N, C-alpha and C. Protein backbone atom coordinates (compact mmCIF):
# COMPACT_ATOMS: atom_id res chain seq x y z
N MET A 1 121.24 110.54 95.34
CA MET A 1 120.28 110.29 96.41
C MET A 1 119.94 108.81 96.47
N ARG A 2 119.71 108.31 97.66
CA ARG A 2 119.55 106.88 97.89
C ARG A 2 118.07 106.57 98.14
N VAL A 3 117.54 105.59 97.40
CA VAL A 3 116.10 105.29 97.44
C VAL A 3 115.85 103.84 97.86
N LEU A 4 114.86 103.67 98.72
CA LEU A 4 114.36 102.35 99.10
C LEU A 4 113.01 102.15 98.44
N ILE A 5 112.81 100.99 97.80
CA ILE A 5 111.54 100.67 97.16
C ILE A 5 110.83 99.59 97.96
N ALA A 6 109.60 99.86 98.38
CA ALA A 6 108.82 98.87 99.13
C ALA A 6 107.55 98.56 98.34
N TYR A 7 107.53 97.40 97.74
CA TYR A 7 106.41 97.00 96.88
C TYR A 7 106.34 95.49 96.88
N GLY A 8 105.14 94.94 96.93
CA GLY A 8 104.98 93.50 97.04
C GLY A 8 105.34 92.71 95.81
N GLN A 9 105.23 93.30 94.63
CA GLN A 9 105.48 92.58 93.39
C GLN A 9 106.90 92.83 92.89
N SER A 10 107.64 91.74 92.70
CA SER A 10 109.04 91.85 92.31
C SER A 10 109.20 92.48 90.93
N LEU A 11 108.29 92.20 90.01
CA LEU A 11 108.39 92.76 88.67
C LEU A 11 108.23 94.28 88.70
N VAL A 12 107.30 94.75 89.53
CA VAL A 12 107.08 96.19 89.67
C VAL A 12 108.30 96.85 90.31
N ARG A 13 108.87 96.21 91.32
CA ARG A 13 110.08 96.76 91.96
C ARG A 13 111.21 96.87 90.96
N ALA A 14 111.35 95.85 90.11
CA ALA A 14 112.40 95.87 89.10
C ALA A 14 112.20 97.03 88.13
N GLY A 15 110.94 97.30 87.77
CA GLY A 15 110.64 98.41 86.87
C GLY A 15 110.98 99.75 87.48
N PHE A 16 110.63 99.91 88.76
CA PHE A 16 110.97 101.15 89.46
C PHE A 16 112.48 101.33 89.56
N ARG A 17 113.17 100.24 89.88
CA ARG A 17 114.63 100.31 90.00
C ARG A 17 115.26 100.76 88.68
N MET A 18 114.81 100.15 87.60
CA MET A 18 115.36 100.48 86.29
C MET A 18 115.10 101.95 85.94
N LEU A 19 113.87 102.40 86.22
CA LEU A 19 113.50 103.78 85.91
C LEU A 19 114.33 104.77 86.73
N LEU A 20 114.40 104.55 88.03
CA LEU A 20 115.08 105.49 88.90
C LEU A 20 116.59 105.52 88.65
N GLU A 21 117.18 104.35 88.43
CA GLU A 21 118.63 104.31 88.25
C GLU A 21 119.06 104.78 86.87
N SER A 22 118.08 104.96 85.97
CA SER A 22 118.41 105.54 84.67
C SER A 22 118.55 107.06 84.75
N ALA A 23 118.10 107.62 85.88
CA ALA A 23 118.20 109.07 86.10
C ALA A 23 119.51 109.41 86.79
N ASP A 24 120.04 110.57 86.47
CA ASP A 24 121.28 111.01 87.09
C ASP A 24 121.09 111.26 88.58
N GLY A 25 122.03 110.77 89.37
CA GLY A 25 122.05 111.11 90.79
C GLY A 25 121.13 110.28 91.67
N ILE A 26 120.53 109.21 91.15
CA ILE A 26 119.65 108.36 91.95
C ILE A 26 120.18 106.93 91.98
N ARG A 27 120.20 106.34 93.18
CA ARG A 27 120.63 104.95 93.31
C ARG A 27 119.66 104.22 94.24
N VAL A 28 119.14 103.09 93.79
CA VAL A 28 118.27 102.26 94.62
C VAL A 28 119.15 101.41 95.52
N VAL A 29 118.98 101.57 96.84
CA VAL A 29 119.87 100.90 97.79
C VAL A 29 119.19 99.75 98.54
N GLY A 30 117.89 99.56 98.29
CA GLY A 30 117.21 98.47 98.97
C GLY A 30 115.82 98.24 98.46
N GLU A 31 115.32 97.01 98.64
CA GLU A 31 113.96 96.66 98.23
C GLU A 31 113.29 95.89 99.36
N ALA A 32 112.02 96.16 99.58
CA ALA A 32 111.25 95.50 100.64
C ALA A 32 109.93 95.02 100.07
N THR A 33 109.38 93.97 100.67
CA THR A 33 108.10 93.42 100.20
C THR A 33 106.97 93.62 101.19
N SER A 34 107.27 94.10 102.39
CA SER A 34 106.24 94.31 103.41
C SER A 34 106.55 95.54 104.23
N GLY A 35 105.58 95.97 105.03
CA GLY A 35 105.78 97.13 105.88
C GLY A 35 106.88 96.93 106.90
N GLU A 36 106.88 95.75 107.53
CA GLU A 36 107.90 95.46 108.54
C GLU A 36 109.31 95.47 107.93
N GLU A 37 109.43 94.87 106.75
CA GLU A 37 110.73 94.82 106.09
C GLU A 37 111.19 96.22 105.68
N ALA A 38 110.25 97.03 105.24
CA ALA A 38 110.59 98.40 104.84
C ALA A 38 111.12 99.20 106.02
N VAL A 39 110.46 99.09 107.16
CA VAL A 39 110.89 99.81 108.36
C VAL A 39 112.27 99.35 108.81
N ALA A 40 112.49 98.02 108.81
CA ALA A 40 113.77 97.47 109.22
C ALA A 40 114.89 97.91 108.28
N LEU A 41 114.63 97.85 106.98
CA LEU A 41 115.63 98.26 105.99
C LEU A 41 115.96 99.75 106.11
N ALA A 42 114.91 100.56 106.28
CA ALA A 42 115.12 102.00 106.41
C ALA A 42 116.02 102.31 107.60
N GLY A 43 115.81 101.59 108.69
CA GLY A 43 116.63 101.82 109.87
C GLY A 43 118.07 101.38 109.67
N ARG A 44 118.26 100.36 108.83
CA ARG A 44 119.61 99.83 108.63
C ARG A 44 120.41 100.59 107.58
N ILE A 45 119.77 100.93 106.45
CA ILE A 45 120.52 101.53 105.34
C ILE A 45 120.34 103.04 105.23
N ARG A 46 119.38 103.61 105.98
CA ARG A 46 119.17 105.06 106.02
C ARG A 46 119.07 105.70 104.63
N PRO A 47 118.06 105.35 103.84
CA PRO A 47 117.91 105.97 102.51
C PRO A 47 117.43 107.41 102.63
N ASP A 48 117.53 108.17 101.56
CA ASP A 48 117.00 109.53 101.55
C ASP A 48 115.49 109.52 101.32
N VAL A 49 115.03 108.58 100.49
CA VAL A 49 113.61 108.50 100.14
C VAL A 49 113.16 107.04 100.16
N ALA A 50 111.96 106.81 100.69
CA ALA A 50 111.34 105.48 100.63
C ALA A 50 110.11 105.59 99.74
N LEU A 51 110.10 104.84 98.65
CA LEU A 51 108.97 104.81 97.72
C LEU A 51 108.16 103.58 98.05
N ILE A 52 106.93 103.78 98.58
CA ILE A 52 106.18 102.61 99.06
C ILE A 52 104.78 102.53 98.45
N ASP A 53 104.31 101.30 98.34
CA ASP A 53 102.98 101.03 97.81
C ASP A 53 101.95 101.23 98.91
N ALA A 54 100.84 101.89 98.58
CA ALA A 54 99.78 102.12 99.56
C ALA A 54 99.21 100.81 100.07
N GLN A 55 99.27 99.77 99.26
CA GLN A 55 98.71 98.47 99.62
C GLN A 55 99.76 97.53 100.20
N LEU A 56 100.80 98.07 100.76
CA LEU A 56 101.88 97.28 101.32
C LEU A 56 101.34 96.31 102.37
N SER A 57 101.80 95.08 102.32
CA SER A 57 101.31 94.06 103.26
C SER A 57 101.95 94.24 104.64
N GLY A 58 101.50 93.44 105.58
CA GLY A 58 102.05 93.50 106.94
C GLY A 58 101.43 94.62 107.74
N ILE A 59 102.24 95.48 108.32
CA ILE A 59 101.72 96.56 109.17
C ILE A 59 101.03 97.64 108.34
N GLY A 60 101.21 97.61 107.03
CA GLY A 60 100.53 98.57 106.17
C GLY A 60 101.36 99.82 105.91
N SER A 61 100.97 100.55 104.88
CA SER A 61 101.76 101.71 104.45
C SER A 61 101.72 102.87 105.43
N VAL A 62 100.58 103.10 106.07
CA VAL A 62 100.47 104.24 106.99
C VAL A 62 101.33 104.03 108.23
N GLU A 63 101.24 102.85 108.83
CA GLU A 63 102.05 102.56 110.01
C GLU A 63 103.53 102.49 109.64
N ALA A 64 103.82 101.94 108.47
CA ALA A 64 105.21 101.89 108.01
C ALA A 64 105.76 103.30 107.85
N THR A 65 104.95 104.20 107.31
CA THR A 65 105.36 105.60 107.16
C THR A 65 105.65 106.22 108.51
N ARG A 66 104.74 106.01 109.45
CA ARG A 66 104.90 106.59 110.79
C ARG A 66 106.19 106.10 111.45
N ARG A 67 106.45 104.81 111.35
CA ARG A 67 107.64 104.25 111.99
C ARG A 67 108.92 104.70 111.30
N MET A 68 108.91 104.76 109.99
CA MET A 68 110.11 105.19 109.28
C MET A 68 110.46 106.63 109.62
N LEU A 69 109.43 107.48 109.73
CA LEU A 69 109.67 108.89 110.08
C LEU A 69 110.22 109.02 111.49
N SER A 70 109.68 108.25 112.43
CA SER A 70 110.10 108.38 113.82
C SER A 70 111.43 107.71 114.09
N GLU A 71 111.73 106.63 113.35
CA GLU A 71 112.94 105.86 113.64
C GLU A 71 114.11 106.19 112.72
N SER A 72 113.81 106.62 111.50
CA SER A 72 114.89 106.79 110.53
C SER A 72 114.91 108.16 109.86
N SER A 73 113.85 108.95 110.04
CA SER A 73 113.74 110.28 109.42
C SER A 73 113.87 110.24 107.91
N VAL A 74 113.43 109.14 107.30
CA VAL A 74 113.47 109.03 105.84
C VAL A 74 112.25 109.74 105.25
N ALA A 75 112.41 110.37 104.10
CA ALA A 75 111.27 110.99 103.43
C ALA A 75 110.49 109.90 102.70
N VAL A 76 109.19 109.82 102.97
CA VAL A 76 108.36 108.76 102.41
C VAL A 76 107.45 109.29 101.31
N MET A 77 107.40 108.54 100.20
CA MET A 77 106.49 108.87 99.11
C MET A 77 105.59 107.67 98.86
N LEU A 78 104.28 107.90 98.93
CA LEU A 78 103.29 106.84 98.80
C LEU A 78 102.73 106.80 97.38
N LEU A 79 102.61 105.59 96.84
CA LEU A 79 102.02 105.39 95.52
C LEU A 79 100.67 104.70 95.70
N THR A 80 99.62 105.31 95.19
CA THR A 80 98.28 104.75 95.32
C THR A 80 97.63 104.59 93.95
N ALA A 81 96.73 103.61 93.84
CA ALA A 81 96.07 103.34 92.56
C ALA A 81 94.86 104.24 92.35
N SER A 82 94.33 104.84 93.43
CA SER A 82 93.10 105.61 93.32
C SER A 82 93.10 106.82 94.23
N GLU A 83 92.50 107.90 93.76
CA GLU A 83 92.37 109.09 94.59
C GLU A 83 91.35 108.89 95.70
N ASP A 84 90.58 107.80 95.63
CA ASP A 84 89.60 107.50 96.67
C ASP A 84 90.19 106.68 97.81
N ASP A 85 91.46 106.36 97.72
CA ASP A 85 92.13 105.58 98.75
C ASP A 85 92.18 106.39 100.05
N GLU A 86 91.51 105.91 101.07
CA GLU A 86 91.44 106.63 102.34
C GLU A 86 92.79 106.68 103.06
N ARG A 87 93.72 105.84 102.62
CA ARG A 87 95.03 105.83 103.28
C ARG A 87 95.83 107.10 103.01
N ILE A 88 95.42 107.89 102.01
CA ILE A 88 96.21 109.08 101.70
C ILE A 88 96.18 110.08 102.85
N PHE A 89 95.05 110.17 103.57
CA PHE A 89 94.96 111.10 104.70
C PHE A 89 95.79 110.60 105.88
N GLY A 90 95.73 109.30 106.11
CA GLY A 90 96.54 108.72 107.17
C GLY A 90 98.02 108.88 106.90
N ALA A 91 98.39 108.72 105.63
CA ALA A 91 99.80 108.85 105.24
C ALA A 91 100.29 110.28 105.43
N LEU A 92 99.45 111.25 105.07
CA LEU A 92 99.82 112.66 105.27
C LEU A 92 100.03 112.95 106.74
N ARG A 93 99.11 112.50 107.57
CA ARG A 93 99.23 112.75 109.01
C ARG A 93 100.42 112.02 109.61
N ALA A 94 100.77 110.87 109.00
CA ALA A 94 101.91 110.11 109.49
C ALA A 94 103.23 110.75 109.07
N GLY A 95 103.16 111.70 108.12
CA GLY A 95 104.36 112.41 107.73
C GLY A 95 104.85 112.18 106.32
N ALA A 96 104.04 111.56 105.46
CA ALA A 96 104.45 111.33 104.07
C ALA A 96 104.75 112.65 103.38
N SER A 97 105.82 112.69 102.60
CA SER A 97 106.20 113.90 101.88
C SER A 97 105.66 113.91 100.47
N GLY A 98 105.25 112.75 99.97
CA GLY A 98 104.73 112.68 98.62
C GLY A 98 103.60 111.68 98.51
N LEU A 99 102.58 112.03 97.71
CA LEU A 99 101.46 111.15 97.44
C LEU A 99 101.20 111.20 95.93
N LEU A 100 101.43 110.09 95.26
CA LEU A 100 101.31 110.07 93.81
C LEU A 100 100.43 108.91 93.35
N LEU A 101 99.71 109.13 92.26
CA LEU A 101 98.95 108.06 91.63
C LEU A 101 99.90 107.18 90.83
N LYS A 102 99.57 105.91 90.73
CA LYS A 102 100.46 104.97 90.05
C LYS A 102 100.51 105.16 88.53
N ASP A 103 99.57 105.93 87.99
CA ASP A 103 99.60 106.16 86.55
C ASP A 103 100.40 107.41 86.18
N ILE A 104 101.18 107.92 87.12
CA ILE A 104 101.99 109.11 86.86
C ILE A 104 103.02 108.82 85.76
N GLU A 105 103.36 109.83 84.99
CA GLU A 105 104.37 109.68 83.95
C GLU A 105 105.73 109.37 84.59
N PRO A 106 106.51 108.49 83.97
CA PRO A 106 107.83 108.14 84.54
C PRO A 106 108.71 109.35 84.86
N SER A 107 108.75 110.32 83.96
CA SER A 107 109.59 111.50 84.19
C SER A 107 109.13 112.28 85.41
N GLU A 108 107.80 112.31 85.65
CA GLU A 108 107.27 113.04 86.80
C GLU A 108 107.58 112.29 88.10
N LEU A 109 107.61 110.96 88.05
CA LEU A 109 107.98 110.20 89.23
C LEU A 109 109.42 110.49 89.62
N VAL A 110 110.31 110.51 88.65
CA VAL A 110 111.71 110.82 88.91
C VAL A 110 111.82 112.23 89.50
N ARG A 111 111.11 113.18 88.91
CA ARG A 111 111.12 114.56 89.40
C ARG A 111 110.63 114.63 90.84
N ALA A 112 109.57 113.88 91.13
CA ALA A 112 108.99 113.89 92.48
C ALA A 112 109.98 113.33 93.50
N VAL A 113 110.67 112.26 93.14
CA VAL A 113 111.65 111.66 94.04
C VAL A 113 112.75 112.66 94.37
N LYS A 114 113.21 113.39 93.37
CA LYS A 114 114.26 114.38 93.58
C LYS A 114 113.77 115.52 94.47
N LEU A 115 112.53 115.96 94.26
CA LEU A 115 111.97 117.03 95.07
C LEU A 115 111.87 116.61 96.54
N VAL A 116 111.35 115.42 96.74
CA VAL A 116 111.19 114.91 98.11
C VAL A 116 112.55 114.75 98.79
N ALA A 117 113.54 114.27 98.04
CA ALA A 117 114.88 114.12 98.61
C ALA A 117 115.48 115.46 98.99
N ASP A 118 115.05 116.53 98.32
CA ASP A 118 115.54 117.88 98.61
C ASP A 118 114.75 118.58 99.70
N GLY A 119 113.81 117.85 100.31
CA GLY A 119 113.04 118.43 101.40
C GLY A 119 111.74 119.08 100.98
N GLU A 120 111.39 118.99 99.70
CA GLU A 120 110.11 119.51 99.23
C GLU A 120 109.06 118.42 99.40
N ALA A 121 107.87 118.65 98.88
CA ALA A 121 106.81 117.66 98.96
C ALA A 121 106.08 117.61 97.63
N ALA A 122 105.48 116.48 97.32
CA ALA A 122 104.85 116.31 96.01
C ALA A 122 103.51 115.62 96.13
N LEU A 123 102.54 116.10 95.36
CA LEU A 123 101.20 115.53 95.37
C LEU A 123 100.60 115.63 93.97
N SER A 124 100.08 114.52 93.47
CA SER A 124 99.44 114.53 92.16
C SER A 124 98.22 115.46 92.19
N PRO A 125 97.92 116.14 91.07
CA PRO A 125 96.81 117.11 91.03
C PRO A 125 95.47 116.57 91.53
N SER A 126 95.08 115.37 91.10
CA SER A 126 93.78 114.85 91.51
C SER A 126 93.76 114.55 93.00
N LEU A 127 94.90 114.14 93.55
CA LEU A 127 94.98 113.92 94.99
C LEU A 127 94.93 115.24 95.73
N ALA A 128 95.51 116.30 95.14
CA ALA A 128 95.43 117.63 95.74
C ALA A 128 93.97 118.07 95.84
N ARG A 129 93.21 117.85 94.76
CA ARG A 129 91.79 118.23 94.78
C ARG A 129 91.03 117.45 95.85
N ARG A 130 91.35 116.19 96.02
CA ARG A 130 90.67 115.36 97.01
C ARG A 130 90.97 115.86 98.42
N VAL A 131 92.23 116.16 98.69
CA VAL A 131 92.61 116.63 100.02
C VAL A 131 91.98 117.99 100.31
N ILE A 132 91.99 118.89 99.32
CA ILE A 132 91.39 120.20 99.49
C ILE A 132 89.90 120.07 99.79
N ALA A 133 89.21 119.21 99.04
CA ALA A 133 87.78 119.01 99.25
C ALA A 133 87.49 118.47 100.65
N GLU A 134 88.33 117.55 101.10
CA GLU A 134 88.16 116.97 102.44
C GLU A 134 88.34 118.04 103.51
N LEU A 135 89.36 118.86 103.38
CA LEU A 135 89.60 119.90 104.37
C LEU A 135 88.52 120.98 104.33
N ALA A 136 88.06 121.31 103.13
CA ALA A 136 87.03 122.34 102.99
C ALA A 136 85.70 121.89 103.58
N ALA A 137 85.46 120.59 103.63
CA ALA A 137 84.19 120.07 104.14
C ALA A 137 84.10 120.14 105.66
N ARG A 138 85.23 120.35 106.31
CA ARG A 138 85.22 120.43 107.76
C ARG A 138 84.69 121.78 108.21
N GLN A 139 83.89 121.77 109.24
CA GLN A 139 83.24 123.00 109.71
C GLN A 139 84.18 123.91 110.47
N GLU A 140 85.18 123.32 111.09
CA GLU A 140 86.11 124.12 111.88
C GLU A 140 87.43 123.38 111.98
N PRO A 141 88.51 124.09 112.30
CA PRO A 141 89.81 123.43 112.43
C PRO A 141 89.73 122.28 113.42
N SER A 142 90.41 121.17 113.09
CA SER A 142 90.33 119.99 113.95
C SER A 142 91.68 119.55 114.47
N CYS A 143 92.72 120.30 114.17
CA CYS A 143 94.05 119.89 114.60
C CYS A 143 94.19 120.02 116.12
N PRO A 144 94.55 118.92 116.82
CA PRO A 144 94.65 118.98 118.28
C PRO A 144 95.78 119.88 118.77
N SER A 145 96.70 120.26 117.85
CA SER A 145 97.82 121.10 118.26
C SER A 145 97.66 122.54 117.80
N SER A 146 96.41 122.99 117.60
CA SER A 146 96.18 124.33 117.08
C SER A 146 96.73 125.40 118.01
N ASN A 147 96.86 125.09 119.31
CA ASN A 147 97.43 126.07 120.24
C ASN A 147 98.89 126.36 119.92
N LEU A 148 99.52 125.50 119.14
CA LEU A 148 100.92 125.72 118.77
C LEU A 148 101.09 126.93 117.85
N VAL A 149 99.98 127.36 117.22
CA VAL A 149 100.06 128.55 116.37
C VAL A 149 100.60 129.72 117.16
N ASP A 150 100.24 129.81 118.43
CA ASP A 150 100.68 130.92 119.28
C ASP A 150 102.19 130.89 119.53
N GLU A 151 102.80 129.72 119.32
CA GLU A 151 104.24 129.61 119.52
C GLU A 151 105.03 130.21 118.37
N LEU A 152 104.35 130.42 117.22
CA LEU A 152 105.02 130.94 116.04
C LEU A 152 105.08 132.46 116.07
N THR A 153 106.16 133.01 115.56
CA THR A 153 106.23 134.46 115.39
C THR A 153 105.35 134.84 114.19
N ALA A 154 105.10 136.13 114.03
CA ALA A 154 104.28 136.59 112.91
C ALA A 154 104.92 136.19 111.58
N ARG A 155 106.23 136.31 111.47
CA ARG A 155 106.91 135.95 110.23
C ARG A 155 106.85 134.44 109.99
N GLU A 156 106.97 133.66 111.06
CA GLU A 156 106.89 132.20 110.91
C GLU A 156 105.51 131.77 110.47
N ARG A 157 104.46 132.41 110.99
CA ARG A 157 103.10 132.11 110.54
C ARG A 157 102.97 132.42 109.05
N GLU A 158 103.52 133.55 108.66
CA GLU A 158 103.46 133.96 107.25
C GLU A 158 104.16 132.92 106.37
N VAL A 159 105.29 132.43 106.84
CA VAL A 159 106.04 131.45 106.07
C VAL A 159 105.27 130.13 105.97
N VAL A 160 104.64 129.71 107.05
CA VAL A 160 103.84 128.47 107.03
C VAL A 160 102.71 128.59 106.01
N VAL A 161 102.07 129.75 105.97
CA VAL A 161 101.00 129.99 105.00
C VAL A 161 101.55 129.89 103.58
N LEU A 162 102.71 130.47 103.33
CA LEU A 162 103.29 130.44 101.99
C LEU A 162 103.68 129.02 101.59
N VAL A 163 104.17 128.24 102.55
CA VAL A 163 104.47 126.83 102.27
C VAL A 163 103.19 126.10 101.88
N ALA A 164 102.11 126.35 102.63
CA ALA A 164 100.83 125.70 102.35
C ALA A 164 100.25 126.10 101.01
N LEU A 165 100.59 127.29 100.54
CA LEU A 165 100.10 127.76 99.24
C LEU A 165 100.95 127.25 98.09
N GLY A 166 102.00 126.48 98.42
CA GLY A 166 102.78 125.84 97.38
C GLY A 166 104.08 126.51 97.00
N LEU A 167 104.57 127.46 97.79
CA LEU A 167 105.79 128.16 97.43
C LEU A 167 107.03 127.41 97.93
N SER A 168 108.05 127.39 97.10
CA SER A 168 109.33 126.82 97.48
C SER A 168 110.11 127.84 98.30
N ASN A 169 111.26 127.43 98.84
CA ASN A 169 112.08 128.37 99.62
C ASN A 169 112.51 129.57 98.78
N ASP A 170 112.87 129.32 97.53
CA ASP A 170 113.26 130.42 96.64
C ASP A 170 112.11 131.40 96.43
N GLU A 171 110.90 130.87 96.23
CA GLU A 171 109.73 131.72 96.00
C GLU A 171 109.34 132.48 97.26
N ILE A 172 109.49 131.83 98.42
CA ILE A 172 109.21 132.50 99.69
C ILE A 172 110.19 133.66 99.88
N ALA A 173 111.45 133.41 99.59
CA ALA A 173 112.47 134.45 99.71
C ALA A 173 112.14 135.65 98.82
N GLU A 174 111.70 135.35 97.61
CA GLU A 174 111.34 136.43 96.68
C GLU A 174 110.13 137.20 97.17
N ARG A 175 109.13 136.48 97.67
CA ARG A 175 107.90 137.13 98.16
C ARG A 175 108.18 138.02 99.37
N LEU A 176 109.03 137.55 100.27
CA LEU A 176 109.30 138.29 101.50
C LEU A 176 110.49 139.24 101.39
N VAL A 177 111.13 139.22 100.23
CA VAL A 177 112.31 140.05 99.97
C VAL A 177 113.39 139.78 101.02
N VAL A 178 113.73 138.51 101.15
CA VAL A 178 114.81 138.09 102.04
C VAL A 178 115.68 137.10 101.26
N SER A 179 116.79 136.69 101.85
CA SER A 179 117.65 135.72 101.18
C SER A 179 117.04 134.33 101.28
N ARG A 180 117.48 133.43 100.40
CA ARG A 180 116.99 132.05 100.45
C ARG A 180 117.36 131.40 101.79
N ALA A 181 118.55 131.71 102.30
CA ALA A 181 118.98 131.15 103.59
C ALA A 181 118.06 131.60 104.72
N THR A 182 117.64 132.87 104.68
CA THR A 182 116.72 133.38 105.71
C THR A 182 115.37 132.71 105.61
N ALA A 183 114.88 132.55 104.39
CA ALA A 183 113.59 131.87 104.19
C ALA A 183 113.67 130.44 104.71
N LYS A 184 114.76 129.75 104.39
CA LYS A 184 114.93 128.38 104.85
C LYS A 184 114.99 128.30 106.36
N THR A 185 115.62 129.29 106.98
CA THR A 185 115.71 129.32 108.45
C THR A 185 114.32 129.47 109.07
N HIS A 186 113.49 130.36 108.52
CA HIS A 186 112.14 130.54 109.03
C HIS A 186 111.33 129.24 108.91
N VAL A 187 111.46 128.58 107.78
CA VAL A 187 110.75 127.31 107.57
C VAL A 187 111.22 126.27 108.58
N SER A 188 112.52 126.17 108.76
CA SER A 188 113.09 125.19 109.70
C SER A 188 112.65 125.45 111.13
N ARG A 189 112.61 126.72 111.53
CA ARG A 189 112.18 127.05 112.90
C ARG A 189 110.71 126.74 113.11
N ALA A 190 109.90 127.00 112.09
CA ALA A 190 108.48 126.67 112.19
C ALA A 190 108.29 125.16 112.31
N MET A 191 109.04 124.41 111.52
CA MET A 191 108.96 122.95 111.58
C MET A 191 109.36 122.44 112.96
N LEU A 192 110.40 123.03 113.53
CA LEU A 192 110.86 122.62 114.85
C LEU A 192 109.81 122.89 115.91
N LYS A 193 109.21 124.09 115.89
CA LYS A 193 108.20 124.44 116.89
C LYS A 193 106.95 123.60 116.77
N LEU A 194 106.60 123.19 115.54
CA LEU A 194 105.38 122.42 115.31
C LEU A 194 105.64 120.92 115.29
N ALA A 195 106.89 120.53 115.57
CA ALA A 195 107.27 119.12 115.55
C ALA A 195 106.91 118.48 114.21
N ALA A 196 107.13 119.25 113.13
CA ALA A 196 106.83 118.76 111.78
C ALA A 196 108.09 118.17 111.17
N HIS A 197 107.99 116.93 110.71
CA HIS A 197 109.15 116.27 110.13
C HIS A 197 109.52 116.86 108.77
N ASP A 198 108.53 117.36 108.04
CA ASP A 198 108.80 117.90 106.72
C ASP A 198 107.76 118.94 106.34
N ARG A 199 107.86 119.48 105.13
CA ARG A 199 106.97 120.54 104.68
C ARG A 199 105.54 120.06 104.52
N ALA A 200 105.35 118.78 104.21
CA ALA A 200 104.00 118.25 104.06
C ALA A 200 103.23 118.41 105.36
N LYS A 201 103.91 118.20 106.49
CA LYS A 201 103.27 118.38 107.79
C LYS A 201 102.88 119.84 108.03
N LEU A 202 103.71 120.76 107.56
CA LEU A 202 103.39 122.18 107.69
C LEU A 202 102.12 122.50 106.90
N VAL A 203 101.99 121.90 105.72
CA VAL A 203 100.82 122.14 104.88
C VAL A 203 99.55 121.67 105.58
N VAL A 204 99.58 120.44 106.09
CA VAL A 204 98.41 119.91 106.80
C VAL A 204 98.08 120.77 108.00
N PHE A 205 99.10 121.17 108.76
CA PHE A 205 98.89 122.01 109.94
C PHE A 205 98.23 123.32 109.56
N ALA A 206 98.70 123.96 108.51
CA ALA A 206 98.17 125.26 108.10
C ALA A 206 96.69 125.18 107.76
N TYR A 207 96.30 124.13 107.05
CA TYR A 207 94.90 123.99 106.65
C TYR A 207 94.02 123.55 107.83
N GLU A 208 94.52 122.66 108.66
CA GLU A 208 93.69 122.15 109.75
C GLU A 208 93.52 123.15 110.89
N THR A 209 94.43 124.09 111.01
CA THR A 209 94.30 125.10 112.07
C THR A 209 93.64 126.37 111.58
N GLY A 210 93.35 126.45 110.29
CA GLY A 210 92.68 127.62 109.75
C GLY A 210 93.60 128.75 109.34
N LEU A 211 94.93 128.54 109.38
CA LEU A 211 95.84 129.56 108.88
C LEU A 211 95.60 129.80 107.39
N VAL A 212 95.22 128.74 106.70
CA VAL A 212 94.84 128.83 105.29
C VAL A 212 93.47 128.21 105.15
N VAL A 213 92.57 128.90 104.48
CA VAL A 213 91.21 128.38 104.26
C VAL A 213 91.15 127.73 102.88
N PRO A 214 90.91 126.41 102.83
CA PRO A 214 90.88 125.74 101.53
C PRO A 214 89.63 126.07 100.74
N ARG A 215 89.78 126.01 99.43
CA ARG A 215 88.64 126.19 98.54
C ARG A 215 88.36 124.86 97.88
N ALA A 216 87.19 124.30 98.14
CA ALA A 216 86.87 122.95 97.67
C ALA A 216 86.96 122.81 96.17
N LYS A 217 86.66 123.89 95.44
CA LYS A 217 86.64 123.79 93.99
C LYS A 217 87.85 124.45 93.34
N ALA A 218 88.88 124.69 94.14
CA ALA A 218 90.07 125.32 93.58
C ALA A 218 90.69 124.42 92.53
N PRO A 219 90.94 124.91 91.32
CA PRO A 219 91.50 124.08 90.27
C PRO A 219 92.97 123.81 90.49
N VAL A 220 93.42 122.66 90.05
CA VAL A 220 94.84 122.33 90.05
C VAL A 220 95.19 122.08 88.60
N ALA A 221 95.74 123.07 87.95
CA ALA A 221 95.92 123.02 86.50
C ALA A 221 97.04 122.09 86.09
N GLU A 222 98.04 121.94 86.90
CA GLU A 222 99.15 121.10 86.51
C GLU A 222 99.78 120.48 87.75
N TRP A 223 100.67 119.49 87.52
CA TRP A 223 101.33 118.85 88.63
C TRP A 223 102.15 119.87 89.40
N GLN A 224 102.00 119.85 90.75
CA GLN A 224 102.64 120.88 91.56
C GLN A 224 103.72 120.24 92.44
N PRO A 225 104.80 120.96 92.73
CA PRO A 225 105.86 120.42 93.57
C PRO A 225 105.52 120.36 95.04
N LEU A 226 104.45 121.04 95.47
CA LEU A 226 104.04 121.01 96.87
C LEU A 226 102.57 120.61 96.95
N PRO A 227 102.18 119.86 98.01
CA PRO A 227 100.80 119.45 98.13
C PRO A 227 99.86 120.60 98.38
N LEU A 228 98.63 120.46 97.96
CA LEU A 228 97.55 121.41 98.19
C LEU A 228 97.76 122.73 97.48
N ALA A 229 98.69 122.78 96.53
CA ALA A 229 98.85 124.02 95.76
C ALA A 229 97.81 124.04 94.66
N GLY A 230 97.20 125.19 94.41
CA GLY A 230 96.16 125.22 93.40
C GLY A 230 96.27 126.44 92.53
């Protein structure tokens, strides 16, 4: 899998490159120092994953995420120093597939990159708690596209809920007693109808439209492969 690293500090970029390329099946194909450079590089080299700093200079990480998704369809993973960073919500809405704290263990970062490259989504536990608390504090669904729920079949709604609860395609297939290919098809059709670039968007949609009701105090016992899983 091909990874683009967007980070302002060259020493940090070198560390990420060394870590990622020490893992089997990962190759760093580009480095950027600003949001504009990251977007341009993503469009030119078409990486599978873009690992970007939340504090990226220039147009910023949220706008860079939005542009990369719309122009290059690259999976974006944001690295933030704090769970209080307000950019995490903007990044999710812009289509980020992963949100991780910078103090994550190296092995977990590698695992997260592989998951995101495979079409899954990743969120650090403390960030999951923050997002859940934010969604739970809302009095009513606020998603402007909530009418799109009616476009989904009953099975597609069920699948979106299972994605939001943290289930992978294999787990969805087991829960619904269908093949993995069938489960993947349902997920793909739901994404197409909801104009969701990835599973992270399905998760946000499910919570914001009320398909899934978040629990503000739901514990997140361990690092989860999908956001908002508890």
